[in-house]
C-alpha cells in the first residue's frame, strides 16, 4: 500500500499530507497542547488511525497484488483501475455461481439463508 500518496482515478494525486493536514488541524482545536508538544509524532498516529478506520484501501491493494501475481506477465497490460474492475467482476461472478450452486443443493436457499432460518448467526 503506498504510504506517501494514493492515486485517485488516473490524473489526480492526493498526498498523505493533504489528507492528514485537515485532520491535524481538527485535533489542534480539540487538544492544542498535545499537538504542539509533539506534532511530528502525532501525524503517523493519525495515518494509522485513518488506515484502521478505512481498511478497504489496504485490502484493495492486497487484492491487486494477488491479481498481479496470478496474472503474471499479463498483469502489465492492465492499469490498476482495470485490475480493480477485473477483481470486482470475478468476485461478483464467484459469489453468484456459489449462490446458484447452494440453491441447487439446499432447495432454493443459500447456505446463509438456510442458517438464518435455523436461527444461527
N, C-alpha and C. Protein backbone atom coordinates (compact mmCIF):
# COMPACT_ATOMS: atom_id res chain seq x y z
N UNK A 1 0.85 -1.18 0.00
CA UNK A 1 0.00 0.00 0.00
C UNK A 1 0.88 1.23 0.00
N UNK A 2 0.68 2.14 -0.98
CA UNK A 2 1.51 3.34 -0.99
C UNK A 2 1.23 4.19 0.22
N UNK A 3 2.31 4.63 0.89
CA UNK A 3 2.11 5.42 2.09
C UNK A 3 2.21 6.91 1.82
N UNK A 4 2.96 7.32 0.82
CA UNK A 4 3.15 8.75 0.59
C UNK A 4 2.06 9.36 -0.28
N UNK A 5 1.49 8.58 -1.16
CA UNK A 5 0.43 9.14 -1.97
C UNK A 5 -0.47 8.04 -2.50
N UNK A 6 -1.70 8.41 -2.72
CA UNK A 6 -2.67 7.48 -3.27
C UNK A 6 -3.15 8.05 -4.59
N UNK A 7 -3.33 7.20 -5.55
CA UNK A 7 -3.77 7.66 -6.86
C UNK A 7 -5.28 7.52 -6.93
N UNK A 8 -5.95 8.61 -7.28
CA UNK A 8 -7.40 8.63 -7.46
C UNK A 8 -7.63 8.81 -8.96
N UNK A 9 -8.33 7.88 -9.55
CA UNK A 9 -8.53 7.94 -10.99
C UNK A 9 -7.20 7.77 -11.69
N UNK A 10 -6.99 8.53 -12.74
CA UNK A 10 -5.71 8.42 -13.45
C UNK A 10 -4.94 9.73 -13.43
N UNK A 11 -5.62 10.85 -13.18
CA UNK A 11 -4.97 12.14 -13.30
C UNK A 11 -4.76 12.87 -11.99
N UNK A 12 -5.50 12.54 -10.97
CA UNK A 12 -5.45 13.30 -9.73
C UNK A 12 -4.70 12.50 -8.67
N UNK A 13 -3.69 13.15 -8.06
CA UNK A 13 -2.92 12.50 -7.00
C UNK A 13 -3.18 13.25 -5.70
N UNK A 14 -3.53 12.49 -4.67
CA UNK A 14 -3.76 13.06 -3.35
C UNK A 14 -2.66 12.54 -2.43
N UNK A 15 -1.89 13.44 -1.86
CA UNK A 15 -0.80 13.02 -0.99
C UNK A 15 -1.32 12.75 0.41
N UNK A 16 -0.54 12.02 1.16
CA UNK A 16 -0.89 11.72 2.54
C UNK A 16 -0.99 13.00 3.36
N UNK A 17 -0.11 13.94 3.09
CA UNK A 17 -0.13 15.22 3.81
C UNK A 17 -1.44 15.97 3.57
N UNK A 18 -1.97 15.92 2.35
CA UNK A 18 -3.22 16.60 2.05
C UNK A 18 -4.38 16.02 2.86
N UNK A 19 -4.30 14.75 3.14
CA UNK A 19 -5.35 14.12 3.93
C UNK A 19 -5.14 14.40 5.41
N UNK A 20 -3.91 14.30 5.86
CA UNK A 20 -3.63 14.41 7.29
C UNK A 20 -3.64 15.84 7.82
N UNK A 21 -3.31 16.82 6.98
CA UNK A 21 -3.26 18.20 7.44
C UNK A 21 -4.60 18.68 8.00
N UNK A 22 -5.73 18.47 7.31
CA UNK A 22 -7.02 18.88 7.89
C UNK A 22 -7.34 18.14 9.18
N UNK A 23 -6.98 16.86 9.24
CA UNK A 23 -7.22 16.09 10.45
C UNK A 23 -6.40 16.66 11.60
N UNK A 24 -5.16 17.01 11.31
CA UNK A 24 -4.28 17.59 12.32
C UNK A 24 -4.86 18.90 12.84
N UNK A 25 -5.40 19.70 11.94
CA UNK A 25 -5.99 20.99 12.36
C UNK A 25 -7.19 20.77 13.30
N UNK A 26 -7.99 19.77 13.00
CA UNK A 26 -9.14 19.48 13.86
C UNK A 26 -8.65 19.08 15.25
N UNK A 27 -7.65 18.22 15.29
CA UNK A 27 -7.12 17.79 16.58
C UNK A 27 -6.43 18.93 17.32
N UNK A 28 -5.83 19.87 16.60
CA UNK A 28 -5.21 21.02 17.25
C UNK A 28 -6.26 21.85 17.97
N UNK A 29 -7.45 21.96 17.39
CA UNK A 29 -8.52 22.71 18.02
C UNK A 29 -9.03 22.00 19.27
N UNK A 30 -9.05 20.68 19.24
CA UNK A 30 -9.57 19.89 20.35
C UNK A 30 -8.56 19.77 21.48
N UNK A 31 -7.32 19.48 21.14
CA UNK A 31 -6.28 19.27 22.17
C UNK A 31 -4.99 19.95 21.74
N UNK A 32 -4.95 21.30 21.78
CA UNK A 32 -3.79 22.02 21.24
C UNK A 32 -2.47 21.72 21.95
N UNK A 33 -2.46 21.52 23.22
CA UNK A 33 -1.21 21.30 23.94
C UNK A 33 -0.52 20.01 23.51
N UNK A 34 -1.28 18.97 23.32
CA UNK A 34 -0.69 17.69 22.91
C UNK A 34 -0.11 17.78 21.50
N UNK A 35 -0.79 18.47 20.60
CA UNK A 35 -0.33 18.58 19.22
C UNK A 35 0.92 19.44 19.15
N UNK A 36 0.92 20.57 19.84
CA UNK A 36 2.07 21.47 19.80
C UNK A 36 3.29 20.81 20.43
N UNK A 37 3.09 20.01 21.46
CA UNK A 37 4.21 19.38 22.15
C UNK A 37 4.97 18.42 21.24
N UNK A 38 4.27 17.71 20.36
CA UNK A 38 4.94 16.72 19.51
C UNK A 38 4.21 16.55 18.18
N UNK A 39 4.22 17.57 17.31
CA UNK A 39 3.45 17.50 16.08
C UNK A 39 3.90 16.39 15.13
N UNK A 40 5.19 16.15 15.00
CA UNK A 40 5.65 15.13 14.06
C UNK A 40 5.31 13.72 14.53
N UNK A 41 5.25 13.51 15.85
CA UNK A 41 4.92 12.19 16.37
C UNK A 41 3.43 11.89 16.21
N UNK A 42 2.62 12.94 16.15
CA UNK A 42 1.18 12.75 16.05
C UNK A 42 0.76 12.33 14.64
N UNK A 43 1.38 12.88 13.62
CA UNK A 43 0.95 12.62 12.25
C UNK A 43 0.97 11.13 11.91
N UNK A 44 2.02 10.36 12.22
CA UNK A 44 1.95 8.93 11.92
C UNK A 44 0.80 8.23 12.63
N UNK A 45 0.49 8.65 13.85
CA UNK A 45 -0.62 8.00 14.54
C UNK A 45 -1.95 8.35 13.87
N UNK A 46 -2.07 9.54 13.29
CA UNK A 46 -3.27 9.88 12.53
C UNK A 46 -3.39 8.98 11.31
N UNK A 47 -2.26 8.81 10.62
CA UNK A 47 -2.28 7.95 9.43
C UNK A 47 -2.69 6.54 9.81
N UNK A 48 -2.17 6.04 10.91
CA UNK A 48 -2.51 4.69 11.36
C UNK A 48 -3.99 4.62 11.74
N UNK A 49 -4.49 5.64 12.42
CA UNK A 49 -5.90 5.65 12.81
C UNK A 49 -6.81 5.68 11.58
N UNK A 50 -6.44 6.47 10.59
CA UNK A 50 -7.24 6.54 9.36
C UNK A 50 -7.22 5.19 8.64
N UNK A 51 -6.05 4.53 8.60
CA UNK A 51 -5.97 3.22 7.96
C UNK A 51 -6.80 2.19 8.72
N UNK A 52 -6.84 2.31 10.04
CA UNK A 52 -7.66 1.38 10.82
C UNK A 52 -9.14 1.63 10.61
N UNK A 53 -9.51 2.91 10.42
CA UNK A 53 -10.91 3.24 10.20
C UNK A 53 -11.38 2.84 8.81
N UNK A 54 -10.47 2.87 7.83
CA UNK A 54 -10.81 2.57 6.44
C UNK A 54 -9.87 1.48 5.90
N UNK A 55 -10.04 0.23 6.35
CA UNK A 55 -9.13 -0.83 5.93
C UNK A 55 -9.35 -1.28 4.49
N UNK A 56 -10.38 -0.76 3.82
CA UNK A 56 -10.68 -1.18 2.46
C UNK A 56 -9.52 -0.92 1.51
N UNK A 57 -8.84 0.22 1.71
CA UNK A 57 -7.73 0.57 0.82
C UNK A 57 -6.63 -0.48 0.90
N UNK A 58 -6.30 -0.90 2.11
CA UNK A 58 -5.25 -1.91 2.29
C UNK A 58 -5.69 -3.24 1.68
N UNK A 59 -6.93 -3.61 1.91
CA UNK A 59 -7.46 -4.85 1.37
C UNK A 59 -7.48 -4.79 -0.17
N UNK A 60 -7.85 -3.64 -0.70
CA UNK A 60 -7.89 -3.46 -2.14
C UNK A 60 -6.49 -3.59 -2.74
N UNK A 61 -5.50 -3.01 -2.07
CA UNK A 61 -4.12 -3.09 -2.55
C UNK A 61 -3.62 -4.53 -2.52
N UNK A 62 -3.97 -5.28 -1.47
CA UNK A 62 -3.59 -6.69 -1.39
C UNK A 62 -4.23 -7.48 -2.52
N UNK A 63 -5.50 -7.19 -2.81
CA UNK A 63 -6.19 -7.88 -3.90
C UNK A 63 -5.52 -7.60 -5.24
N UNK A 64 -5.08 -6.36 -5.44
CA UNK A 64 -4.40 -6.01 -6.69
C UNK A 64 -3.08 -6.77 -6.79
N UNK A 65 -2.34 -6.84 -5.69
CA UNK A 65 -1.07 -7.57 -5.71
C UNK A 65 -1.30 -9.05 -6.00
N UNK A 66 -2.34 -9.64 -5.39
CA UNK A 66 -2.65 -11.05 -5.66
C UNK A 66 -3.04 -11.26 -7.12
N UNK A 67 -3.81 -10.33 -7.67
CA UNK A 67 -4.21 -10.43 -9.08
C UNK A 67 -2.98 -10.34 -9.99
N UNK A 68 -2.07 -9.43 -9.67
CA UNK A 68 -0.85 -9.31 -10.47
C UNK A 68 -0.03 -10.59 -10.39
N UNK A 69 0.04 -11.16 -9.20
CA UNK A 69 0.80 -12.41 -9.03
C UNK A 69 0.14 -13.53 -9.84
N UNK A 70 -1.18 -13.61 -9.78
CA UNK A 70 -1.90 -14.67 -10.51
C UNK A 70 -1.81 -14.49 -12.02
N UNK A 71 -1.88 -13.25 -12.47
CA UNK A 71 -1.86 -13.00 -13.91
C UNK A 71 -0.45 -13.02 -14.50
N UNK A 72 0.55 -12.84 -13.67
CA UNK A 72 1.93 -12.85 -14.15
C UNK A 72 2.19 -11.71 -15.12
N UNK A 73 2.82 -12.03 -16.24
CA UNK A 73 3.18 -11.02 -17.23
C UNK A 73 1.96 -10.34 -17.84
N UNK A 74 0.85 -11.04 -17.86
CA UNK A 74 -0.39 -10.48 -18.41
C UNK A 74 -0.85 -9.25 -17.61
N UNK A 75 -0.50 -9.19 -16.34
CA UNK A 75 -0.92 -8.09 -15.47
C UNK A 75 -0.36 -6.74 -15.94
N UNK A 76 0.76 -6.74 -16.64
CA UNK A 76 1.36 -5.48 -17.10
C UNK A 76 0.49 -4.80 -18.16
N UNK A 77 -0.43 -5.53 -18.76
CA UNK A 77 -1.30 -4.96 -19.79
C UNK A 77 -2.49 -4.22 -19.20
N UNK A 78 -2.67 -4.31 -17.85
CA UNK A 78 -3.81 -3.67 -17.19
C UNK A 78 -3.34 -2.53 -16.29
N UNK A 79 -4.12 -1.47 -16.25
CA UNK A 79 -3.87 -0.39 -15.30
C UNK A 79 -4.42 -0.85 -13.94
N UNK A 80 -4.00 -0.18 -12.85
CA UNK A 80 -4.56 -0.55 -11.53
C UNK A 80 -6.09 -0.48 -11.50
N UNK A 81 -6.66 0.51 -12.17
CA UNK A 81 -8.12 0.65 -12.20
C UNK A 81 -8.76 -0.52 -12.93
N UNK A 82 -8.15 -0.93 -14.04
CA UNK A 82 -8.69 -2.08 -14.78
C UNK A 82 -8.58 -3.36 -13.95
N UNK A 83 -7.47 -3.50 -13.21
CA UNK A 83 -7.33 -4.67 -12.34
C UNK A 83 -8.39 -4.68 -11.25
N UNK A 84 -8.70 -3.51 -10.69
CA UNK A 84 -9.77 -3.42 -9.68
C UNK A 84 -11.08 -3.89 -10.28
N UNK A 85 -11.37 -3.46 -11.51
CA UNK A 85 -12.61 -3.86 -12.17
C UNK A 85 -12.65 -5.37 -12.41
N UNK A 86 -11.52 -5.93 -12.84
CA UNK A 86 -11.46 -7.38 -13.06
C UNK A 86 -11.70 -8.12 -11.76
N UNK A 87 -11.06 -7.66 -10.69
CA UNK A 87 -11.23 -8.29 -9.37
C UNK A 87 -12.68 -8.23 -8.95
N UNK A 88 -13.31 -7.08 -9.09
CA UNK A 88 -14.72 -6.93 -8.71
C UNK A 88 -15.62 -7.86 -9.52
N UNK A 89 -15.37 -7.96 -10.82
CA UNK A 89 -16.18 -8.83 -11.67
C UNK A 89 -16.01 -10.29 -11.29
N UNK A 90 -14.77 -10.70 -11.04
CA UNK A 90 -14.53 -12.10 -10.66
C UNK A 90 -15.18 -12.41 -9.32
N UNK A 91 -15.05 -11.49 -8.35
CA UNK A 91 -15.70 -11.71 -7.05
C UNK A 91 -17.21 -11.81 -7.20
N UNK A 92 -17.81 -10.95 -8.03
CA UNK A 92 -19.25 -10.99 -8.26
C UNK A 92 -19.66 -12.31 -8.89
N UNK A 93 -18.94 -12.72 -9.93
CA UNK A 93 -19.28 -13.99 -10.59
C UNK A 93 -19.12 -15.17 -9.64
N UNK A 94 -18.06 -15.17 -8.86
CA UNK A 94 -17.83 -16.26 -7.91
C UNK A 94 -18.96 -16.35 -6.90
N UNK A 95 -19.34 -15.20 -6.33
CA UNK A 95 -20.43 -15.20 -5.35
C UNK A 95 -21.75 -15.64 -5.99
N UNK A 96 -22.00 -15.17 -7.21
CA UNK A 96 -23.23 -15.53 -7.92
C UNK A 96 -23.27 -17.03 -8.20
N UNK A 97 -22.18 -17.57 -8.71
CA UNK A 97 -22.14 -19.00 -9.01
C UNK A 97 -22.26 -19.83 -7.75
N UNK A 98 -21.62 -19.40 -6.68
CA UNK A 98 -21.70 -20.13 -5.42
C UNK A 98 -23.14 -20.11 -4.89
N UNK A 99 -23.79 -18.95 -4.97
CA UNK A 99 -25.20 -18.87 -4.54
C UNK A 99 -26.08 -19.81 -5.36
N UNK A 100 -25.86 -19.83 -6.68
CA UNK A 100 -26.65 -20.73 -7.53
C UNK A 100 -26.42 -22.19 -7.17
N UNK A 101 -25.17 -22.55 -6.92
CA UNK A 101 -24.83 -23.91 -6.53
C UNK A 101 -25.50 -24.27 -5.20
N UNK A 102 -25.41 -23.37 -4.23
CA UNK A 102 -26.04 -23.63 -2.92
C UNK A 102 -27.55 -23.77 -3.07
N UNK A 103 -28.16 -22.94 -3.90
CA UNK A 103 -29.61 -23.02 -4.11
C UNK A 103 -30.00 -24.37 -4.72
N UNK A 104 -29.15 -24.90 -5.58
CA UNK A 104 -29.47 -26.20 -6.19
C UNK A 104 -29.36 -27.33 -5.17
N UNK A 105 -28.53 -27.15 -4.18
CA UNK A 105 -28.35 -28.19 -3.16
C UNK A 105 -29.34 -28.05 -2.01
N UNK A 106 -29.59 -26.83 -1.58
CA UNK A 106 -30.40 -26.60 -0.37
C UNK A 106 -31.83 -26.13 -0.69
N UNK A 107 -32.44 -26.70 -1.70
CA UNK A 107 -33.85 -26.47 -2.04
C UNK A 107 -34.19 -24.99 -2.20
N UNK A 108 -33.42 -24.29 -3.00
CA UNK A 108 -33.71 -22.90 -3.32
C UNK A 108 -33.16 -21.88 -2.36
N UNK A 109 -32.41 -22.30 -1.35
CA UNK A 109 -31.84 -21.37 -0.38
C UNK A 109 -30.32 -21.41 -0.44
N UNK A 110 -29.71 -20.25 -0.15
CA UNK A 110 -28.26 -20.26 0.01
C UNK A 110 -27.96 -20.76 1.41
N UNK A 111 -26.72 -21.10 1.66
CA UNK A 111 -26.33 -21.58 2.98
C UNK A 111 -26.58 -20.50 4.03
N UNK A 112 -26.29 -19.26 3.69
CA UNK A 112 -26.53 -18.16 4.62
C UNK A 112 -28.02 -18.03 4.95
N UNK A 113 -28.87 -18.13 3.93
CA UNK A 113 -30.32 -18.06 4.16
C UNK A 113 -30.79 -19.24 4.99
N UNK A 114 -30.26 -20.40 4.72
CA UNK A 114 -30.64 -21.60 5.46
C UNK A 114 -30.25 -21.48 6.93
N UNK A 115 -29.05 -21.03 7.19
CA UNK A 115 -28.59 -20.87 8.57
C UNK A 115 -29.39 -19.79 9.30
N UNK A 116 -29.72 -18.74 8.57
CA UNK A 116 -30.51 -17.65 9.18
C UNK A 116 -31.89 -18.16 9.56
N UNK A 117 -32.50 -19.00 8.71
CA UNK A 117 -33.80 -19.58 9.02
C UNK A 117 -33.76 -20.47 10.25
N UNK A 118 -32.63 -21.16 10.42
CA UNK A 118 -32.48 -22.08 11.55
C UNK A 118 -32.12 -21.35 12.84
N UNK A 119 -31.90 -20.04 12.76
CA UNK A 119 -31.61 -19.26 13.96
C UNK A 119 -30.13 -19.09 14.23
N UNK A 120 -29.27 -19.55 13.35
CA UNK A 120 -27.84 -19.36 13.53
C UNK A 120 -27.47 -17.95 13.09
N UNK A 121 -26.40 -17.45 13.66
CA UNK A 121 -25.95 -16.09 13.27
C UNK A 121 -24.59 -16.14 12.69
